Amino acid sequence: MIDLNAFEAECRRDIPLLTAMHLSFVDFNDLALTMEAPLAPNINNKGTAFGGSIASICLFGGWAVSTLAFLDNGIENTEIVVYKNEMTFERPARGHLVVKAYIEPDDFESCLARLKANDPERIRLDIHVDLFHEDKRCATMQGLYVVWLK
C-alpha cells in the first residue's frame, strides 16, 4: 500500500516548486491521482491561475501518477520523464484547483509487463491530466512519458 503522505513529503523535498505552489496530494487509487492547490500562490495578473503553474502542475501530475502506479505494483527502480505533451486551456481557473491525473489500464499493463520482463528499451506511456475549478474542467494535458528501469 502506498503511503501518500510520505510520497508527498519526498516530492516536496526533492522538488521545492511543489511547496511554493502549495500542491497537495488527496488520493491515489486505480491508476488515478487527485491533487489540489490554492489559487493564491499560482495566480497571474488577471486574478486567474497562471498558465505556467497549470502546466507545471499537470506535468508533475503525469510523473507522479506513473511513479505511484509502478510503486504500487512493486517496481521501485523506474526513471520517468516527459517526452512530449499537449496542453489545452479551456477556461480560466478562478479559484481552488483540483487536478486528476490518470493512466488507461491497458496502457499501464502493457508498460508494466515490459518492465517486469526487464525490457531495456525506453517505453512510452500515455498519461492524461485534467485540471478543474468548481467541478468545471479548465485545462487538460495529454502527456507522453518515457519509462525505463534504472
C-alpha atoms as a PDB file:
ATOM      1  CA  MET A   1       0.000   0.000   0.000  1.00  0.00           C
ATOM      2  CA  ILE A   2       1.229   3.462  -0.908  1.00  0.00           C
ATOM      3  CA  ASP A   3       1.867   5.977   1.872  1.00  0.00           C
ATOM      4  CA  LEU A   4       0.687   9.079   0.024  1.00  0.00           C
ATOM      5  CA  ASN A   5       1.803  11.449   2.801  1.00  0.00           C
ATOM      6  CA  ALA A   6       5.344  10.062   2.732  1.00  0.00           C
ATOM      7  CA  PHE A   7       5.428  10.267  -1.075  1.00  0.00           C
ATOM      8  CA  GLU A   8       4.229  13.884  -0.951  1.00  0.00           C
ATOM      9  CA  ALA A   9       6.896  14.768   1.637  1.00  0.00           C
ATOM     10  CA  GLU A  10       9.586  13.168  -0.536  1.00  0.00           C
ATOM     11  CA  CYS A  11       8.370  15.053  -3.614  1.00  0.00           C
ATOM     12  CA  ARG A  12       8.308  18.357  -1.718  1.00  0.00           C
ATOM     13  CA  ARG A  13      11.867  17.736  -0.501  1.00  0.00           C
ATOM     14  CA  ASP A  14      13.118  16.927  -3.996  1.00  0.00           C
ATOM     15  CA  ILE A  15      11.027  19.479  -5.948  1.00  0.00           C
ATOM     16  CA  PRO A  16      10.799  22.777  -3.992  1.00  0.00           C
ATOM     17  CA  LEU A  17       8.394  24.255  -6.558  1.00  0.00           C
ATOM     18  CA  LEU A  18       5.648  21.969  -5.198  1.00  0.00           C
ATOM     19  CA  THR A  19       5.881  23.658  -1.800  1.00  0.00           C
ATOM     20  CA  ALA A  20       5.814  27.111  -3.392  1.00  0.00           C
ATOM     21  CA  MET A  21       2.672  26.127  -5.321  1.00  0.00           C
ATOM     22  CA  HIS A  22       1.099  24.591  -2.182  1.00  0.00           C
ATOM     23  CA  LEU A  23       0.338  21.459  -4.184  1.00  0.00           C
ATOM     24  CA  SER A  24      -1.060  18.653  -2.026  1.00  0.00           C
ATOM     25  CA  PHE A  25      -1.923  15.031  -2.684  1.00  0.00           C
ATOM     26  CA  VAL A  26      -5.517  13.995  -1.965  1.00  0.00           C
ATOM     27  CA  ASP A  27      -5.943  10.430  -3.213  1.00  0.00           C
ATOM     28  CA  PHE A  28      -4.328   7.712  -5.303  1.00  0.00           C
ATOM     29  CA  ASN A  29      -6.443   4.773  -6.421  1.00  0.00           C
ATOM     30  CA  ASP A  30      -6.769   2.597  -9.532  1.00  0.00           C
ATOM     31  CA  LEU A  31      -4.163   4.404 -11.652  1.00  0.00           C
ATOM     32  CA  ALA A  32      -5.628   7.812 -10.764  1.00  0.00           C
ATOM     33  CA  LEU A  33      -4.113  10.582  -8.647  1.00  0.00           C
ATOM     34  CA  THR A  34      -6.009  13.574  -7.287  1.00  0.00           C
ATOM     35  CA  MET A  35      -4.121  16.670  -6.141  1.00  0.00           C
ATOM     36  CA  GLU A  36      -5.166  20.161  -5.061  1.00  0.00           C
ATOM     37  CA  ALA A  37      -3.632  23.622  -4.993  1.00  0.00           C
ATOM     38  CA  PRO A  38      -4.954  27.006  -3.879  1.00  0.00           C
ATOM     39  CA  LEU A  39      -5.169  29.873  -6.336  1.00  0.00           C
ATOM     40  CA  ALA A  40      -3.131  32.416  -4.317  1.00  0.00           C
ATOM     41  CA  PRO A  41       0.403  31.048  -4.949  1.00  0.00           C
ATOM     42  CA  ASN A  42      -0.499  30.213  -8.569  1.00  0.00           C
ATOM     43  CA  ILE A  43      -2.232  33.462  -9.545  1.00  0.00           C
ATOM     44  CA  ASN A  44      -1.499  35.707 -12.505  1.00  0.00           C
ATOM     45  CA  ASN A  45      -2.110  39.434 -13.053  1.00  0.00           C
ATOM     46  CA  LYS A  46      -5.684  38.721 -14.219  1.00  0.00           C
ATOM     47  CA  GLY A  47      -6.729  37.054 -10.973  1.00  0.00           C
ATOM     48  CA  THR A  48      -6.805  33.574 -12.522  1.00  0.00           C
ATOM     49  CA  ALA A  49      -4.441  30.606 -12.354  1.00  0.00           C
ATOM     50  CA  PHE A  50      -1.180  31.273 -14.169  1.00  0.00           C
ATOM     51  CA  GLY A  51      -0.803  29.094 -17.269  1.00  0.00           C
ATOM     52  CA  GLY A  52       2.749  28.206 -16.245  1.00  0.00           C
ATOM     53  CA  SER A  53       1.511  26.931 -12.885  1.00  0.00           C
ATOM     54  CA  ILE A  54      -1.214  24.910 -14.568  1.00  0.00           C
ATOM     55  CA  ALA A  55       1.279  23.385 -16.996  1.00  0.00           C
ATOM     56  CA  SER A  56       3.759  22.605 -14.211  1.00  0.00           C
ATOM     57  CA  ILE A  57       1.103  21.001 -12.032  1.00  0.00           C
ATOM     58  CA  CYS A  58      -0.162  18.881 -14.927  1.00  0.00           C
ATOM     59  CA  LEU A  59       3.327  17.772 -15.985  1.00  0.00           C
ATOM     60  CA  PHE A  60       4.162  16.866 -12.397  1.00  0.00           C
ATOM     61  CA  GLY A  61       0.820  15.026 -12.082  1.00  0.00           C
ATOM     62  CA  GLY A  62       1.739  12.812 -15.026  1.00  0.00           C
ATOM     63  CA  TRP A  63       5.068  11.917 -13.468  1.00  0.00           C
ATOM     64  CA  ALA A  64       3.546  11.389 -10.010  1.00  0.00           C
ATOM     65  CA  VAL A  65       0.661   9.140 -11.100  1.00  0.00           C
ATOM     66  CA  SER A  66       3.001   6.935 -13.101  1.00  0.00           C
ATOM     67  CA  THR A  67       5.568   6.756 -10.302  1.00  0.00           C
ATOM     68  CA  LEU A  68       2.863   5.820  -7.793  1.00  0.00           C
ATOM     69  CA  ALA A  69       1.356   3.233 -10.154  1.00  0.00           C
ATOM     70  CA  PHE A  70       4.688   1.477 -10.607  1.00  0.00           C
ATOM     71  CA  LEU A  71       5.470   1.626  -6.877  1.00  0.00           C
ATOM     72  CA  ASP A  72       2.027   0.176  -6.182  1.00  0.00           C
ATOM     73  CA  ASN A  73       2.973  -2.740  -8.446  1.00  0.00           C
ATOM     74  CA  GLY A  74       6.346  -3.406  -6.872  1.00  0.00           C
ATOM     75  CA  ILE A  75       8.508  -1.577  -9.425  1.00  0.00           C
ATOM     76  CA  GLU A  76      10.706   0.835  -7.483  1.00  0.00           C
ATOM     77  CA  ASN A  77      13.568   1.423  -9.886  1.00  0.00           C
ATOM     78  CA  THR A  78      11.990   3.424 -12.709  1.00  0.00           C
ATOM     79  CA  GLU A  79      13.119   6.556 -14.439  1.00  0.00           C
ATOM     80  CA  ILE A  80      10.160   8.515 -15.808  1.00  0.00           C
ATOM     81  CA  VAL A  81      10.425  11.668 -17.895  1.00  0.00           C
ATOM     82  CA  VAL A  82       8.035  13.608 -20.060  1.00  0.00           C
ATOM     83  CA  TYR A  83       8.721  13.139 -23.771  1.00  0.00           C
ATOM     84  CA  LYS A  84       6.078  15.500 -25.115  1.00  0.00           C
ATOM     85  CA  ASN A  85       2.769  16.949 -24.090  1.00  0.00           C
ATOM     86  CA  GLU A  86      -0.161  18.922 -25.386  1.00  0.00           C
ATOM     87  CA  MET A  87      -1.985  21.407 -23.161  1.00  0.00           C
ATOM     88  CA  THR A  88      -5.445  22.790 -23.785  1.00  0.00           C
ATOM     89  CA  PHE A  89      -6.671  25.724 -21.718  1.00  0.00           C
ATOM     90  CA  GLU A  90     -10.462  25.607 -21.900  1.00  0.00           C
ATOM     91  CA  ARG A  91     -11.469  28.341 -19.435  1.00  0.00           C
ATOM     92  CA  PRO A  92      -9.890  30.469 -16.711  1.00  0.00           C
ATOM     93  CA  ALA A  93      -9.461  28.841 -13.311  1.00  0.00           C
ATOM     94  CA  ARG A  94     -10.571  31.439 -10.778  1.00  0.00           C
ATOM     95  CA  GLY A  95     -10.106  29.588  -7.501  1.00  0.00           C
ATOM     96  CA  HIS A  96      -9.062  26.372  -5.812  1.00  0.00           C
ATOM     97  CA  LEU A  97      -7.519  23.922  -8.297  1.00  0.00           C
ATOM     98  CA  VAL A  98      -8.278  20.198  -8.383  1.00  0.00           C
ATOM     99  CA  VAL A  99      -6.074  18.032 -10.575  1.00  0.00           C
ATOM    100  CA  LYS A 100      -6.852  14.493 -11.717  1.00  0.00           C
ATOM    101  CA  ALA A 101      -4.116  12.511 -13.432  1.00  0.00           C
ATOM    102  CA  TYR A 102      -4.794   9.036 -14.747  1.00  0.00           C
ATOM    103  CA  ILE A 103      -3.452   6.231 -16.886  1.00  0.00           C
ATOM    104  CA  GLU A 104      -5.591   3.931 -19.004  1.00  0.00           C
ATOM    105  CA  PRO A 105      -5.378   0.383 -17.562  1.00  0.00           C
ATOM    106  CA  ASP A 106      -4.444  -1.287 -20.872  1.00  0.00           C
ATOM    107  CA  ASP A 107      -1.607   1.183 -21.485  1.00  0.00           C
ATOM    108  CA  PHE A 108      -0.309   0.700 -17.964  1.00  0.00           C
ATOM    109  CA  GLU A 109      -0.500  -3.111 -18.070  1.00  0.00           C
ATOM    110  CA  SER A 110       1.450  -3.198 -21.330  1.00  0.00           C
ATOM    111  CA  CYS A 111       4.165  -0.951 -19.920  1.00  0.00           C
ATOM    112  CA  LEU A 112       4.244  -2.855 -16.619  1.00  0.00           C
ATOM    113  CA  ALA A 113       4.656  -6.193 -18.408  1.00  0.00           C
ATOM    114  CA  ARG A 114       7.616  -4.859 -20.369  1.00  0.00           C
ATOM    115  CA  LEU A 115       9.245  -3.502 -17.215  1.00  0.00           C
ATOM    116  CA  LYS A 116       8.726  -6.785 -15.371  1.00  0.00           C
ATOM    117  CA  ALA A 117      10.363  -8.564 -18.302  1.00  0.00           C
ATOM    118  CA  ASN A 118      13.387  -6.236 -17.851  1.00  0.00           C
ATOM    119  CA  ASP A 119      12.897  -4.660 -21.272  1.00  0.00           C
ATOM    120  CA  PRO A 120      15.990  -2.459 -21.739  1.00  0.00           C
ATOM    121  CA  GLU A 121      14.198  -0.068 -24.096  1.00  0.00           C
ATOM    122  CA  ARG A 122      12.593   3.226 -23.230  1.00  0.00           C
ATOM    123  CA  ILE A 123       8.850   2.542 -23.044  1.00  0.00           C
ATOM    124  CA  ARG A 124       6.279   5.178 -23.943  1.00  0.00           C
ATOM    125  CA  LEU A 125       3.294   5.706 -21.682  1.00  0.00           C
ATOM    126  CA  ASP A 126       0.312   7.993 -22.330  1.00  0.00           C
ATOM    127  CA  ILE A 127      -0.997   9.922 -19.327  1.00  0.00           C
ATOM    128  CA  HIS A 128      -3.989  12.224 -19.142  1.00  0.00           C
ATOM    129  CA  VAL A 129      -4.407  15.094 -16.676  1.00  0.00           C
ATOM    130  CA  ASP A 130      -7.433  17.337 -16.125  1.00  0.00           C
ATOM    131  CA  LEU A 131      -7.454  20.498 -14.017  1.00  0.00           C
ATOM    132  CA  PHE A 132     -10.751  21.682 -12.526  1.00  0.00           C
ATOM    133  CA  HIS A 133     -12.157  24.622 -10.644  1.00  0.00           C
ATOM    134  CA  GLU A 134     -15.631  24.236  -9.110  1.00  0.00           C
ATOM    135  CA  ASP A 135     -16.129  20.943 -10.996  1.00  0.00           C
ATOM    136  CA  LYS A 136     -15.578  22.638 -14.362  1.00  0.00           C
ATOM    137  CA  ARG A 137     -12.625  21.473 -16.414  1.00  0.00           C
ATOM    138  CA  CYS A 138     -10.328  24.414 -17.063  1.00  0.00           C
ATOM    139  CA  ALA A 139      -7.337  22.687 -18.639  1.00  0.00           C
ATOM    140  CA  THR A 140      -6.328  19.306 -19.917  1.00  0.00           C
ATOM    141  CA  MET A 141      -2.976  17.782 -20.721  1.00  0.00           C
ATOM    142  CA  GLN A 142      -2.194  14.736 -22.777  1.00  0.00           C
ATOM    143  CA  GLY A 143       1.340  13.675 -21.976  1.00  0.00           C
ATOM    144  CA  LEU A 144       3.609  11.097 -23.475  1.00  0.00           C
ATOM    145  CA  TYR A 145       6.134   9.955 -20.876  1.00  0.00           C
ATOM    146  CA  VAL A 146       9.105   7.645 -21.280  1.00  0.00           C
ATOM    147  CA  VAL A 147       9.789   4.962 -18.686  1.00  0.00           C
ATOM    148  CA  TRP A 148      12.783   2.700 -18.186  1.00  0.00           C
ATOM    149  CA  LEU A 149      14.462   0.747 -15.422  1.00  0.00           C
ATOM    150  CA  LYS A 150      17.450   2.321 -13.660  1.00  0.00           C
END
